[in-house]
């Protein structure tokens, strides 16, 4: 706990900005890709990638370790399952799946469902019911008393810091064997996703296909400069579209993604830039995958020792 009132006030301010004492940092570094098969290097995780059994195992084990640590500090924490529905984030460059568009439009309803889950999260409700002092203590228990101890420079520039103490760090130390190495490798590999997207969107081949996509959308009565602009309009909370209009716009985008070849081009470029980044940052990718592989037997032992949720 902080030993002076100013530190306590600062900590409490941070606490009130999050939805739960342990949820935010606990979920930050839990995404991951499968390890490479023989002769292959793992590429950075793709948008909408389906969760694997290894993902679920590591997630569940870390959640249980976090729960047990918080209990030792006198707090209740309920484990939560890995979100395995990638649909909302699957179309980073253009919506090109007509079946998904017909079922979900741009995913506005899925977003509302997830927002409802957040509102009804038992950890959020439990945290909200704590006194101000206990909220501050819970945050310290989960994340340490300051964001110091671990530092990593991101591939695209900038620095991320976090505590090497608290239940989140303890859970990851027990699971991965070296919380510092895990934090550095997983954070740097995670940052490659945004770099890959930026490179795809700036690639001349993507921009070349964007023109025909734009013309196709105009012929369908939708004047948007980019797929991102169409998505933003469809998901606007200020001026929400009706379900019928959302689905209609999504289907037009999917059809135009095919006619313009923007969908095919996007997937090809995503793979291309993913491979380049995985090679450029292969040390981080390899360290991350090595730590994940070594953590799997530990995760099985954690979950086997206590089958309860």
Protein backbone atom coordinates (compact mmCIF):
# COMPACT_ATOMS: atom_id res chain seq x y z
CA UNK A 1 0.00 0.00 0.00
CA UNK A 2 1.13 3.61 -0.49
CA UNK A 3 2.70 5.04 2.67
CA UNK A 4 1.60 8.63 2.19
CA UNK A 5 -1.67 10.37 1.48
CA UNK A 6 -0.67 11.84 -1.89
CA UNK A 7 0.26 8.40 -3.19
CA UNK A 8 -3.02 7.05 -1.85
CA UNK A 9 -5.03 9.81 -3.60
CA UNK A 10 -3.20 9.20 -6.87
CA UNK A 11 -3.84 5.50 -6.61
CA UNK A 12 -7.51 6.03 -5.83
CA UNK A 13 -7.91 8.30 -8.85
CA UNK A 14 -6.48 5.58 -11.03
CA UNK A 15 -8.69 3.01 -9.38
CA UNK A 16 -11.88 4.92 -10.07
CA UNK A 17 -11.01 5.10 -13.75
CA UNK A 18 -11.08 1.35 -14.28
CA UNK A 19 -13.92 -1.11 -14.19
CA UNK A 20 -12.36 -3.50 -11.69
CA UNK A 21 -9.35 -3.76 -9.47
CA UNK A 22 -7.79 -6.65 -11.30
CA UNK A 23 -9.64 -6.96 -14.59
CA UNK A 24 -7.81 -4.35 -16.67
CA UNK A 25 -4.23 -5.52 -16.30
CA UNK A 26 -5.28 -9.13 -15.99
CA UNK A 27 -6.68 -9.10 -19.51
CA UNK A 28 -4.02 -6.92 -21.15
CA UNK A 29 -1.54 -9.60 -22.10
CA UNK A 30 -3.67 -12.70 -22.45
CA UNK A 31 -3.97 -12.87 -26.24
CA UNK A 32 -1.59 -15.03 -28.16
CA UNK A 33 -0.98 -17.06 -31.30
CA UNK A 34 -0.17 -20.73 -31.65
CA UNK A 35 3.45 -21.66 -31.50
CA UNK A 36 5.22 -22.24 -34.83
CA UNK A 37 5.13 -25.66 -36.37
CA UNK A 38 8.37 -27.33 -37.35
CA UNK A 39 10.27 -25.22 -39.83
CA UNK A 40 7.97 -22.21 -39.43
CA UNK A 41 8.16 -18.97 -37.54
CA UNK A 42 5.08 -17.66 -35.81
CA UNK A 43 3.61 -14.50 -37.28
CA UNK A 44 2.06 -11.78 -35.13
CA UNK A 45 -1.53 -12.58 -34.17
CA UNK A 46 -4.08 -11.81 -36.89
CA UNK A 47 -7.30 -9.88 -36.35
CA UNK A 48 -10.13 -12.32 -35.73
CA UNK A 49 -7.84 -15.30 -35.19
CA UNK A 50 -9.71 -18.13 -33.51
CA UNK A 51 -8.57 -18.92 -29.98
CA UNK A 52 -6.66 -22.19 -29.64
CA UNK A 53 -6.71 -24.76 -26.87
CA UNK A 54 -3.36 -23.35 -25.71
CA UNK A 55 -4.86 -19.85 -25.52
CA UNK A 56 -7.71 -21.11 -23.38
CA UNK A 57 -5.45 -23.16 -21.13
CA UNK A 58 -3.04 -20.28 -20.44
CA UNK A 59 -5.88 -17.83 -19.94
CA UNK A 60 -7.72 -20.08 -17.50
CA UNK A 61 -4.58 -20.87 -15.51
CA UNK A 62 -3.61 -17.23 -15.20
CA UNK A 63 -7.12 -16.33 -14.13
CA UNK A 64 -7.07 -19.00 -11.41
CA UNK A 65 -3.68 -17.88 -10.14
CA UNK A 66 -4.94 -14.32 -10.07
CA UNK A 67 -8.08 -15.35 -8.21
CA UNK A 68 -6.12 -17.28 -5.59
CA UNK A 69 -3.68 -14.41 -5.05
CA UNK A 70 -6.47 -11.88 -4.61
CA UNK A 71 -8.14 -14.17 -2.11
CA UNK A 72 -4.94 -14.29 -0.06
CA UNK A 73 -5.08 -10.50 0.07
CA UNK A 74 -8.66 -10.60 1.29
CA UNK A 75 -10.49 -9.79 -1.97
CA UNK A 76 -13.01 -11.63 -4.09
CA UNK A 77 -12.18 -12.15 -7.74
CA UNK A 78 -14.18 -14.31 -10.14
CA UNK A 79 -12.44 -15.87 -13.12
CA UNK A 80 -13.84 -15.03 -16.54
CA UNK A 81 -13.67 -17.07 -19.75
CA UNK A 82 -11.62 -16.11 -22.75
CA UNK A 83 -13.65 -14.16 -25.28
CA UNK A 84 -13.54 -16.46 -28.28
CA UNK A 85 -15.78 -14.53 -30.68
CA UNK A 86 -13.41 -12.68 -33.03
CA UNK A 87 -16.16 -11.43 -35.34
CA UNK A 88 -16.18 -7.78 -34.30
CA UNK A 89 -12.44 -7.38 -34.91
CA UNK A 90 -12.11 -9.77 -37.81
CA UNK A 91 -12.33 -7.22 -40.62
CA UNK A 92 -9.46 -4.82 -40.00
CA UNK A 93 -9.27 -3.59 -43.60
CA UNK A 94 -12.62 -4.26 -45.22
CA UNK A 95 -15.68 -6.35 -44.44
CA UNK A 96 -15.53 -9.06 -47.10
CA UNK A 97 -17.66 -11.88 -45.67
CA UNK A 98 -21.22 -11.59 -46.96
CA UNK A 99 -22.48 -14.33 -44.66
CA UNK A 100 -21.17 -12.54 -41.57
CA UNK A 101 -22.51 -9.23 -42.86
CA UNK A 102 -25.95 -10.77 -43.38
CA UNK A 103 -25.99 -12.18 -39.83
CA UNK A 104 -24.36 -9.32 -37.95
CA UNK A 105 -24.12 -6.25 -40.16
CA UNK A 106 -21.10 -4.45 -38.70
CA UNK A 107 -21.54 -6.06 -35.31
CA UNK A 108 -23.47 -3.28 -33.56
CA UNK A 109 -25.62 -5.82 -31.71
CA UNK A 110 -22.54 -7.82 -30.68
CA UNK A 111 -21.01 -4.66 -29.29
CA UNK A 112 -24.12 -3.95 -27.28
CA UNK A 113 -24.09 -7.49 -25.93
CA UNK A 114 -20.48 -7.12 -24.83
CA UNK A 115 -21.21 -3.77 -23.23
CA UNK A 116 -24.00 -5.46 -21.27
CA UNK A 117 -21.60 -8.17 -20.14
CA UNK A 118 -19.21 -5.51 -18.90
CA UNK A 119 -21.99 -3.75 -17.01
CA UNK A 120 -23.04 -7.03 -15.41
CA UNK A 121 -19.53 -8.28 -14.69
CA UNK A 122 -19.47 -9.54 -11.07
CA UNK A 123 -15.95 -8.22 -10.54
CA UNK A 124 -17.09 -4.76 -11.57
CA UNK A 125 -20.05 -4.93 -9.19
CA UNK A 126 -17.86 -6.21 -6.36
CA UNK A 127 -15.28 -3.48 -6.92
CA UNK A 128 -17.94 -0.77 -7.07
CA UNK A 129 -19.23 -1.89 -3.69
CA UNK A 130 -15.91 -1.48 -1.93
CA UNK A 131 -15.12 1.58 0.15
CA UNK A 132 -12.68 4.09 -1.30
CA UNK A 133 -9.89 2.78 0.91
CA UNK A 134 -10.56 -0.83 0.00
CA UNK A 135 -10.65 0.06 -3.70
CA UNK A 136 -7.17 1.53 -3.39
CA UNK A 137 -5.99 -1.54 -1.49
CA UNK A 138 -7.49 -3.87 -4.11
CA UNK A 139 -5.69 -2.07 -6.90
CA UNK A 140 -2.40 -2.36 -5.02
CA UNK A 141 -3.04 -6.04 -4.41
CA UNK A 142 -3.72 -6.64 -8.10
CA UNK A 143 -1.18 -4.38 -9.77
CA UNK A 144 1.36 -3.27 -7.19
CA UNK A 145 1.70 0.14 -5.61
CA UNK A 146 3.19 1.89 -8.66
CA UNK A 147 3.66 1.21 -12.38
CA UNK A 148 7.36 0.59 -11.93
CA UNK A 149 9.64 -2.41 -12.18
CA UNK A 150 9.11 -3.52 -15.77
CA UNK A 151 9.81 -1.38 -18.83
CA UNK A 152 9.69 -2.19 -22.52
CA UNK A 153 10.36 -0.10 -25.61
CA UNK A 154 7.80 -0.73 -28.32
CA UNK A 155 8.86 -1.59 -31.88
CA UNK A 156 7.04 1.45 -33.26
CA UNK A 157 8.42 3.81 -30.63
CA UNK A 158 7.35 4.68 -27.13
CA UNK A 159 7.74 2.95 -23.81
CA UNK A 160 5.36 0.90 -21.68
CA UNK A 161 5.83 0.46 -17.96
CA UNK A 162 4.08 -1.70 -15.42
CA UNK A 163 4.60 -3.05 -11.96
CA UNK A 164 6.57 -6.19 -11.25
CA UNK A 165 4.54 -6.67 -8.08
CA UNK A 166 0.96 -7.51 -7.28
CA UNK A 167 -1.19 -10.49 -8.16
CA UNK A 168 -1.08 -9.98 -11.93
CA UNK A 169 2.72 -10.07 -11.90
CA UNK A 170 2.72 -12.99 -9.47
CA UNK A 171 0.34 -15.01 -11.64
CA UNK A 172 2.43 -14.40 -14.75
CA UNK A 173 5.67 -15.15 -12.90
CA UNK A 174 4.32 -18.50 -11.75
CA UNK A 175 2.90 -19.34 -15.16
CA UNK A 176 5.67 -18.13 -17.49
CA UNK A 177 8.65 -18.45 -15.17
CA UNK A 178 9.98 -14.97 -15.88
CA UNK A 179 7.45 -12.14 -15.70
CA UNK A 180 9.94 -9.59 -17.05
CA UNK A 181 10.76 -11.64 -20.16
CA UNK A 182 7.07 -12.40 -20.70
CA UNK A 183 6.05 -8.76 -20.37
CA UNK A 184 8.72 -7.58 -22.80
CA UNK A 185 8.17 -10.25 -25.45
CA UNK A 186 4.36 -10.35 -25.32
CA UNK A 187 4.05 -6.55 -25.28
CA UNK A 188 6.40 -6.10 -28.22
CA UNK A 189 4.75 -8.85 -30.26
CA UNK A 190 1.34 -7.42 -29.41
CA UNK A 191 2.44 -4.02 -30.73
CA UNK A 192 3.22 -5.58 -34.11
CA UNK A 193 -0.49 -5.94 -34.86
CA UNK A 194 -1.03 -2.20 -35.14
CA UNK A 195 2.19 -1.83 -37.12
CA UNK A 196 1.02 -4.49 -39.55
CA UNK A 197 -2.36 -2.83 -40.00
CA UNK A 198 -0.76 0.55 -40.61
CA UNK A 199 1.55 -0.92 -43.23
CA UNK A 200 -1.28 -2.66 -45.03
CA UNK A 201 -3.41 0.49 -45.13
CA UNK A 202 -0.48 2.50 -46.52
CA UNK A 203 0.59 -0.12 -49.05
CA UNK A 204 0.25 1.06 -52.69
CA UNK A 205 -1.48 -2.19 -53.60
CA UNK A 206 -4.19 -1.55 -50.99
CA UNK A 207 -4.62 2.06 -52.09
CA UNK A 208 -4.88 0.94 -55.71
CA UNK A 209 -7.81 -1.36 -54.90
CA UNK A 210 -9.44 1.26 -52.69
CA UNK A 211 -10.44 3.35 -55.72
CA UNK A 212 -12.57 0.61 -57.35
CA UNK A 213 -14.08 -0.23 -53.96
CA UNK A 214 -15.07 3.42 -53.51
CA UNK A 215 -16.65 3.54 -56.98
CA UNK A 216 -18.58 0.34 -56.33
CA UNK A 217 -19.92 1.72 -53.05
CA UNK A 218 -21.00 4.95 -54.75
CA UNK A 219 -22.94 2.98 -57.35
CA UNK A 220 -24.71 1.25 -54.47
CA UNK A 221 -25.61 4.64 -53.00
CA UNK A 222 -22.95 4.77 -50.27
CA UNK A 223 -20.38 7.54 -50.58
CA UNK A 224 -17.57 6.59 -48.20
CA UNK A 225 -13.88 7.21 -48.75
CA UNK A 226 -12.72 4.11 -46.87
CA UNK A 227 -14.13 0.99 -45.24
CA UNK A 228 -13.23 2.54 -41.89
CA UNK A 229 -15.51 5.50 -42.66
CA UNK A 230 -18.38 3.17 -43.55
CA UNK A 231 -17.86 1.20 -40.35
CA UNK A 232 -17.74 4.35 -38.24
CA UNK A 233 -21.02 5.52 -39.72
CA UNK A 234 -22.65 2.14 -39.16
CA UNK A 235 -21.51 1.94 -35.54
CA UNK A 236 -22.16 5.55 -34.60
CA UNK A 237 -23.92 5.87 -31.26
CA UNK A 238 -24.89 9.46 -32.03
CA UNK A 239 -26.80 8.52 -35.18
CA UNK A 240 -27.34 4.74 -35.04
CA UNK A 241 -28.55 2.99 -38.14
CA UNK A 242 -31.53 0.72 -38.09
CA UNK A 243 -30.76 -2.98 -38.24
CA UNK A 244 -31.96 -3.10 -41.86
CA UNK A 245 -29.73 -0.22 -42.95
CA UNK A 246 -26.72 -1.55 -41.08
CA UNK A 247 -27.01 -4.95 -42.74
CA UNK A 248 -27.62 -3.36 -46.14
CA UNK A 249 -24.50 -1.22 -45.85
CA UNK A 250 -22.45 -4.19 -44.65
CA UNK A 251 -23.62 -6.36 -47.54
CA UNK A 252 -22.77 -3.61 -50.03
CA UNK A 253 -19.27 -3.34 -48.55
CA UNK A 254 -18.78 -7.10 -48.73
CA UNK A 255 -19.93 -7.22 -52.34
CA UNK A 256 -17.68 -4.31 -53.29
CA UNK A 257 -14.76 -5.89 -51.44
CA UNK A 258 -15.08 -8.84 -53.79
CA UNK A 259 -15.69 -6.89 -57.00
CA UNK A 260 -12.77 -4.55 -56.35
CA UNK A 261 -10.48 -7.33 -55.07
CA UNK A 262 -9.87 -5.19 -51.98
CA UNK A 263 -10.67 -8.16 -49.74
CA UNK A 264 -8.23 -10.52 -51.45
CA UNK A 265 -5.58 -7.83 -51.63
CA UNK A 266 -5.97 -7.02 -47.95
CA UNK A 267 -5.52 -10.63 -46.89
CA UNK A 268 -2.47 -11.03 -49.09
CA UNK A 269 -0.88 -7.86 -47.77
CA UNK A 270 -1.73 -8.78 -44.19
CA UNK A 271 0.14 -12.07 -44.58
CA UNK A 272 3.03 -10.35 -46.37
CA UNK A 273 3.59 -7.62 -43.79
CA UNK A 274 2.98 -10.09 -40.96
CA UNK A 275 5.82 -12.27 -42.22
CA UNK A 276 8.14 -9.28 -42.63
CA UNK A 277 7.44 -8.08 -39.09
CA UNK A 278 7.77 -11.57 -37.63
CA UNK A 279 11.20 -11.83 -39.28
CA UNK A 280 12.30 -8.34 -38.23
CA UNK A 281 11.28 -9.01 -34.61
CA UNK A 282 11.94 -12.73 -34.63
CA UNK A 283 13.75 -12.66 -31.28
CA UNK A 284 10.66 -11.29 -29.54
CA UNK A 285 8.39 -13.76 -31.35
CA UNK A 286 10.62 -16.69 -30.48
CA UNK A 287 10.95 -15.69 -26.82
CA UNK A 288 7.20 -15.28 -26.52
CA UNK A 289 6.48 -18.65 -28.09
CA UNK A 290 9.15 -20.37 -26.01
CA UNK A 291 7.67 -18.95 -22.81
CA UNK A 292 4.16 -19.99 -23.87
CA UNK A 293 5.32 -23.54 -24.64
CA UNK A 294 7.07 -23.84 -21.29
CA UNK A 295 4.00 -22.46 -19.51
CA UNK A 296 1.59 -25.08 -20.83
CA UNK A 297 2.61 -27.89 -18.42
CA UNK A 298 2.44 -25.42 -15.53
CA UNK A 299 -1.02 -24.33 -16.65
CA UNK A 300 -2.21 -27.94 -16.69
CA UNK A 301 -0.89 -28.45 -13.18
CA UNK A 302 -2.60 -25.28 -11.95
CA UNK A 303 -5.93 -26.27 -13.43
CA UNK A 304 -5.58 -29.92 -12.44
CA UNK A 305 -4.89 -29.01 -8.84
CA UNK A 306 -8.17 -27.15 -8.49
CA UNK A 307 -11.00 -27.93 -10.94
CA UNK A 308 -13.30 -25.28 -9.49
CA UNK A 309 -14.18 -22.10 -11.43
